[in-house]
């Protein structure tokens, strides 16, 4: 488990600071990550988020997806991948009690740095149209809604 830029103290009035560590996501984190995704508003889950599917995703994109933990608790996640041309972030989630501390932004920055190191110049995200909280988060960080593209999907019958 490699840490990203060390760890830092959570911002609180608690006189005993708790260390938060950002690490690569592994399958050992899956159950806790899935629990966090299930509790996160605006998150769409499907069979693509099964244990088997996430294992394959992590193998195809080694070292890109990240989690943040406080002790043994997974408090934030982001799935990160690329197709050789463009990067993609999925399932950025931060536990409600850890929000508004810069943790989501820190995970995104770490993923973008990893994509850049792989030669990927642009990254995309997908948001549900009604996810106003997510849209606000991304817009505040300079991400632009593409009005010139439409996402279309089809099942592969796999």
C-alpha atoms as a PDB file:
ATOM      1  CA  UNK A   1       0.000   0.000   0.000  1.00  0.00           C
ATOM      2  CA  UNK A   2       1.660   3.239  -1.168  1.00  0.00           C
ATOM      3  CA  UNK A   3       0.684   6.545   0.363  1.00  0.00           C
ATOM      4  CA  UNK A   4       0.093   9.623  -1.748  1.00  0.00           C
ATOM      5  CA  UNK A   5       2.016  12.675  -0.512  1.00  0.00           C
ATOM      6  CA  UNK A   6       1.997  11.341   3.037  1.00  0.00           C
ATOM      7  CA  UNK A   7      -0.868  11.841   5.420  1.00  0.00           C
ATOM      8  CA  UNK A   8      -2.267  14.876   7.150  1.00  0.00           C
ATOM      9  CA  UNK A   9      -4.230  15.794  10.220  1.00  0.00           C
ATOM     10  CA  UNK A  10      -7.967  16.067   9.848  1.00  0.00           C
ATOM     11  CA  UNK A  11      -9.319  19.531  10.455  1.00  0.00           C
ATOM     12  CA  UNK A  12     -11.331  19.578  13.648  1.00  0.00           C
ATOM     13  CA  UNK A  13     -11.549  21.038  17.097  1.00  0.00           C
ATOM     14  CA  UNK A  14     -10.489  17.691  18.535  1.00  0.00           C
ATOM     15  CA  UNK A  15      -7.226  18.261  20.470  1.00  0.00           C
ATOM     16  CA  UNK A  16      -5.965  14.807  19.413  1.00  0.00           C
ATOM     17  CA  UNK A  17      -5.639  14.956  15.604  1.00  0.00           C
ATOM     18  CA  UNK A  18      -6.425  11.821  13.630  1.00  0.00           C
ATOM     19  CA  UNK A  19      -4.202  10.860  10.726  1.00  0.00           C
ATOM     20  CA  UNK A  20      -5.816  10.355   7.352  1.00  0.00           C
ATOM     21  CA  UNK A  21      -3.807   8.327   4.860  1.00  0.00           C
ATOM     22  CA  UNK A  22      -4.380   8.221   1.105  1.00  0.00           C
ATOM     23  CA  UNK A  23      -3.442   4.877  -0.426  1.00  0.00           C
ATOM     24  CA  UNK A  24      -3.918   2.870  -3.579  1.00  0.00           C
ATOM     25  CA  UNK A  25      -7.195   0.990  -3.568  1.00  0.00           C
ATOM     26  CA  UNK A  26      -6.894  -2.789  -3.445  1.00  0.00           C
ATOM     27  CA  UNK A  27      -9.496  -5.520  -3.285  1.00  0.00           C
ATOM     28  CA  UNK A  28      -9.028  -5.619   0.480  1.00  0.00           C
ATOM     29  CA  UNK A  29     -10.798  -2.232   0.468  1.00  0.00           C
ATOM     30  CA  UNK A  30     -13.725  -3.319  -1.699  1.00  0.00           C
ATOM     31  CA  UNK A  31     -16.336  -4.098   0.974  1.00  0.00           C
ATOM     32  CA  UNK A  32     -15.765  -0.839   2.849  1.00  0.00           C
ATOM     33  CA  UNK A  33     -15.625   1.151  -0.401  1.00  0.00           C
ATOM     34  CA  UNK A  34     -18.879  -0.401  -1.607  1.00  0.00           C
ATOM     35  CA  UNK A  35     -20.525   0.461   1.711  1.00  0.00           C
ATOM     36  CA  UNK A  36     -19.419   4.082   1.276  1.00  0.00           C
ATOM     37  CA  UNK A  37     -20.705   4.177  -2.310  1.00  0.00           C
ATOM     38  CA  UNK A  38     -24.036   2.742  -1.157  1.00  0.00           C
ATOM     39  CA  UNK A  39     -24.421   5.562   1.391  1.00  0.00           C
ATOM     40  CA  UNK A  40     -23.397   8.335  -1.012  1.00  0.00           C
ATOM     41  CA  UNK A  41     -26.121  10.435  -2.609  1.00  0.00           C
ATOM     42  CA  UNK A  42     -25.831  10.902  -6.358  1.00  0.00           C
ATOM     43  CA  UNK A  43     -23.947   7.599  -6.757  1.00  0.00           C
ATOM     44  CA  UNK A  44     -25.210   5.105  -9.325  1.00  0.00           C
ATOM     45  CA  UNK A  45     -24.308   1.480  -8.669  1.00  0.00           C
ATOM     46  CA  UNK A  46     -24.747  -1.452 -11.028  1.00  0.00           C
ATOM     47  CA  UNK A  47     -23.286  -4.851 -11.880  1.00  0.00           C
ATOM     48  CA  UNK A  48     -20.197  -2.931 -13.063  1.00  0.00           C
ATOM     49  CA  UNK A  49     -19.524  -2.350  -9.353  1.00  0.00           C
ATOM     50  CA  UNK A  50     -19.545  -6.023  -8.357  1.00  0.00           C
ATOM     51  CA  UNK A  51     -16.510  -7.448  -6.613  1.00  0.00           C
ATOM     52  CA  UNK A  52     -15.520  -9.276  -9.814  1.00  0.00           C
ATOM     53  CA  UNK A  53     -15.887  -6.177 -12.000  1.00  0.00           C
ATOM     54  CA  UNK A  54     -13.924  -3.916  -9.635  1.00  0.00           C
ATOM     55  CA  UNK A  55     -11.161  -6.540  -9.363  1.00  0.00           C
ATOM     56  CA  UNK A  56     -10.823  -6.494 -13.171  1.00  0.00           C
ATOM     57  CA  UNK A  57     -10.935  -2.659 -13.207  1.00  0.00           C
ATOM     58  CA  UNK A  58      -8.111  -2.385 -10.652  1.00  0.00           C
ATOM     59  CA  UNK A  59      -6.004  -4.955 -12.545  1.00  0.00           C
ATOM     60  CA  UNK A  60      -6.437  -3.065 -15.837  1.00  0.00           C
ATOM     61  CA  UNK A  61      -5.515   0.228 -14.174  1.00  0.00           C
ATOM     62  CA  UNK A  62      -2.886  -0.594 -11.553  1.00  0.00           C
ATOM     63  CA  UNK A  63      -2.011   2.111  -9.036  1.00  0.00           C
ATOM     64  CA  UNK A  64      -4.559   4.677 -10.233  1.00  0.00           C
ATOM     65  CA  UNK A  65      -7.582   4.233  -7.950  1.00  0.00           C
ATOM     66  CA  UNK A  66      -7.281   5.634  -4.435  1.00  0.00           C
ATOM     67  CA  UNK A  67      -8.872   5.460  -1.021  1.00  0.00           C
ATOM     68  CA  UNK A  68      -8.506   7.575   2.088  1.00  0.00           C
ATOM     69  CA  UNK A  69      -8.625   5.893   5.441  1.00  0.00           C
ATOM     70  CA  UNK A  70      -8.774   6.995   9.007  1.00  0.00           C
ATOM     71  CA  UNK A  71      -7.588   4.039  11.021  1.00  0.00           C
ATOM     72  CA  UNK A  72      -9.313   1.035   9.440  1.00  0.00           C
ATOM     73  CA  UNK A  73     -12.269   3.070   8.163  1.00  0.00           C
ATOM     74  CA  UNK A  74     -12.443   3.860   4.429  1.00  0.00           C
ATOM     75  CA  UNK A  75     -13.602   7.486   4.397  1.00  0.00           C
ATOM     76  CA  UNK A  76     -13.150   8.383   0.722  1.00  0.00           C
ATOM     77  CA  UNK A  77     -12.654   6.710  -2.647  1.00  0.00           C
ATOM     78  CA  UNK A  78     -12.069   7.475  -6.286  1.00  0.00           C
ATOM     79  CA  UNK A  79     -11.807   5.022  -9.155  1.00  0.00           C
ATOM     80  CA  UNK A  80      -9.373   6.144 -11.857  1.00  0.00           C
ATOM     81  CA  UNK A  81      -8.611   4.662 -15.264  1.00  0.00           C
ATOM     82  CA  UNK A  82      -7.526   5.536 -18.778  1.00  0.00           C
ATOM     83  CA  UNK A  83      -7.891   4.067 -22.236  1.00  0.00           C
ATOM     84  CA  UNK A  84      -4.509   5.288 -23.463  1.00  0.00           C
ATOM     85  CA  UNK A  85      -5.980   8.606 -24.680  1.00  0.00           C
ATOM     86  CA  UNK A  86      -8.278   9.952 -21.963  1.00  0.00           C
ATOM     87  CA  UNK A  87      -8.581   9.455 -18.245  1.00  0.00           C
ATOM     88  CA  UNK A  88     -11.794   8.732 -16.379  1.00  0.00           C
ATOM     89  CA  UNK A  89     -12.756   9.216 -12.744  1.00  0.00           C
ATOM     90  CA  UNK A  90     -15.647   7.325 -11.183  1.00  0.00           C
ATOM     91  CA  UNK A  91     -17.131   6.999  -7.727  1.00  0.00           C
ATOM     92  CA  UNK A  92     -15.523   9.930  -5.988  1.00  0.00           C
ATOM     93  CA  UNK A  93     -17.129   9.615  -2.573  1.00  0.00           C
ATOM     94  CA  UNK A  94     -16.310  11.130   0.798  1.00  0.00           C
ATOM     95  CA  UNK A  95     -18.031  10.039   4.005  1.00  0.00           C
ATOM     96  CA  UNK A  96     -20.398  12.754   5.152  1.00  0.00           C
ATOM     97  CA  UNK A  97     -18.520  13.406   8.418  1.00  0.00           C
ATOM     98  CA  UNK A  98     -15.259  14.054   6.499  1.00  0.00           C
ATOM     99  CA  UNK A  99     -16.600  16.402   3.818  1.00  0.00           C
ATOM    100  CA  UNK A 100     -15.591  20.034   3.328  1.00  0.00           C
ATOM    101  CA  UNK A 101     -11.998  19.370   4.385  1.00  0.00           C
ATOM    102  CA  UNK A 102     -10.420  19.164   0.930  1.00  0.00           C
ATOM    103  CA  UNK A 103     -10.249  15.377   0.912  1.00  0.00           C
ATOM    104  CA  UNK A 104     -12.165  14.914  -2.369  1.00  0.00           C
ATOM    105  CA  UNK A 105     -10.041  17.562  -4.061  1.00  0.00           C
ATOM    106  CA  UNK A 106      -6.865  15.912  -2.756  1.00  0.00           C
ATOM    107  CA  UNK A 107      -7.926  12.531  -4.207  1.00  0.00           C
ATOM    108  CA  UNK A 108      -8.759  14.131  -7.565  1.00  0.00           C
ATOM    109  CA  UNK A 109      -5.407  15.957  -7.689  1.00  0.00           C
ATOM    110  CA  UNK A 110      -3.530  12.759  -6.927  1.00  0.00           C
ATOM    111  CA  UNK A 111      -5.383  10.906  -9.701  1.00  0.00           C
ATOM    112  CA  UNK A 112      -4.766  13.689 -12.215  1.00  0.00           C
ATOM    113  CA  UNK A 113      -1.056  13.632 -11.359  1.00  0.00           C
ATOM    114  CA  UNK A 114      -0.956   9.872 -11.927  1.00  0.00           C
ATOM    115  CA  UNK A 115      -2.763  10.234 -15.252  1.00  0.00           C
ATOM    116  CA  UNK A 116      -0.374  12.995 -16.319  1.00  0.00           C
ATOM    117  CA  UNK A 117       2.585  10.772 -15.420  1.00  0.00           C
ATOM    118  CA  UNK A 118       1.088   8.151 -17.765  1.00  0.00           C
ATOM    119  CA  UNK A 119       0.933  10.726 -20.578  1.00  0.00           C
ATOM    120  CA  UNK A 120      -2.823  11.280 -20.366  1.00  0.00           C
ATOM    121  CA  UNK A 121      -3.664  14.921 -21.154  1.00  0.00           C
ATOM    122  CA  UNK A 122      -7.403  15.049 -20.433  1.00  0.00           C
ATOM    123  CA  UNK A 123      -9.731  13.427 -17.928  1.00  0.00           C
ATOM    124  CA  UNK A 124     -13.519  12.986 -17.958  1.00  0.00           C
ATOM    125  CA  UNK A 125     -16.135  12.318 -15.311  1.00  0.00           C
ATOM    126  CA  UNK A 126     -19.746  11.206 -15.581  1.00  0.00           C
ATOM    127  CA  UNK A 127     -22.415  12.732 -13.359  1.00  0.00           C
ATOM    128  CA  UNK A 128     -26.071  11.914 -13.060  1.00  0.00           C
ATOM    129  CA  UNK A 129     -27.979  14.895 -14.469  1.00  0.00           C
ATOM    130  CA  UNK A 130     -29.727  15.517 -11.137  1.00  0.00           C
ATOM    131  CA  UNK A 131     -26.533  15.397  -9.037  1.00  0.00           C
ATOM    132  CA  UNK A 132     -26.384  19.110  -8.201  1.00  0.00           C
ATOM    133  CA  UNK A 133     -23.965  18.575  -5.276  1.00  0.00           C
ATOM    134  CA  UNK A 134     -21.524  16.746  -7.559  1.00  0.00           C
ATOM    135  CA  UNK A 135     -21.890  19.315 -10.339  1.00  0.00           C
ATOM    136  CA  UNK A 136     -21.109  22.109  -7.876  1.00  0.00           C
ATOM    137  CA  UNK A 137     -18.029  20.239  -6.535  1.00  0.00           C
ATOM    138  CA  UNK A 138     -16.567  19.725 -10.006  1.00  0.00           C
ATOM    139  CA  UNK A 139     -17.453  23.195 -11.325  1.00  0.00           C
ATOM    140  CA  UNK A 140     -15.727  24.857  -8.377  1.00  0.00           C
ATOM    141  CA  UNK A 141     -12.559  23.035  -9.342  1.00  0.00           C
ATOM    142  CA  UNK A 142     -12.598  24.235 -12.932  1.00  0.00           C
ATOM    143  CA  UNK A 143     -14.217  21.224 -14.600  1.00  0.00           C
ATOM    144  CA  UNK A 144     -16.422  22.231 -17.520  1.00  0.00           C
ATOM    145  CA  UNK A 145     -19.722  20.643 -18.535  1.00  0.00           C
ATOM    146  CA  UNK A 146     -19.400  19.665 -22.191  1.00  0.00           C
ATOM    147  CA  UNK A 147     -22.390  20.933 -24.140  1.00  0.00           C
ATOM    148  CA  UNK A 148     -20.998  19.553 -27.409  1.00  0.00           C
ATOM    149  CA  UNK A 149     -21.139  15.881 -26.345  1.00  0.00           C
ATOM    150  CA  UNK A 150     -23.899  13.442 -25.485  1.00  0.00           C
ATOM    151  CA  UNK A 151     -23.186  10.200 -23.644  1.00  0.00           C
ATOM    152  CA  UNK A 152     -24.844   7.183 -25.226  1.00  0.00           C
ATOM    153  CA  UNK A 153     -24.681   3.620 -23.881  1.00  0.00           C
ATOM    154  CA  UNK A 154     -25.419   0.101 -25.019  1.00  0.00           C
ATOM    155  CA  UNK A 155     -25.223  -3.260 -23.278  1.00  0.00           C
ATOM    156  CA  UNK A 156     -22.625  -5.611 -24.758  1.00  0.00           C
ATOM    157  CA  UNK A 157     -24.556  -8.757 -23.788  1.00  0.00           C
ATOM    158  CA  UNK A 158     -21.447 -10.023 -21.977  1.00  0.00           C
END
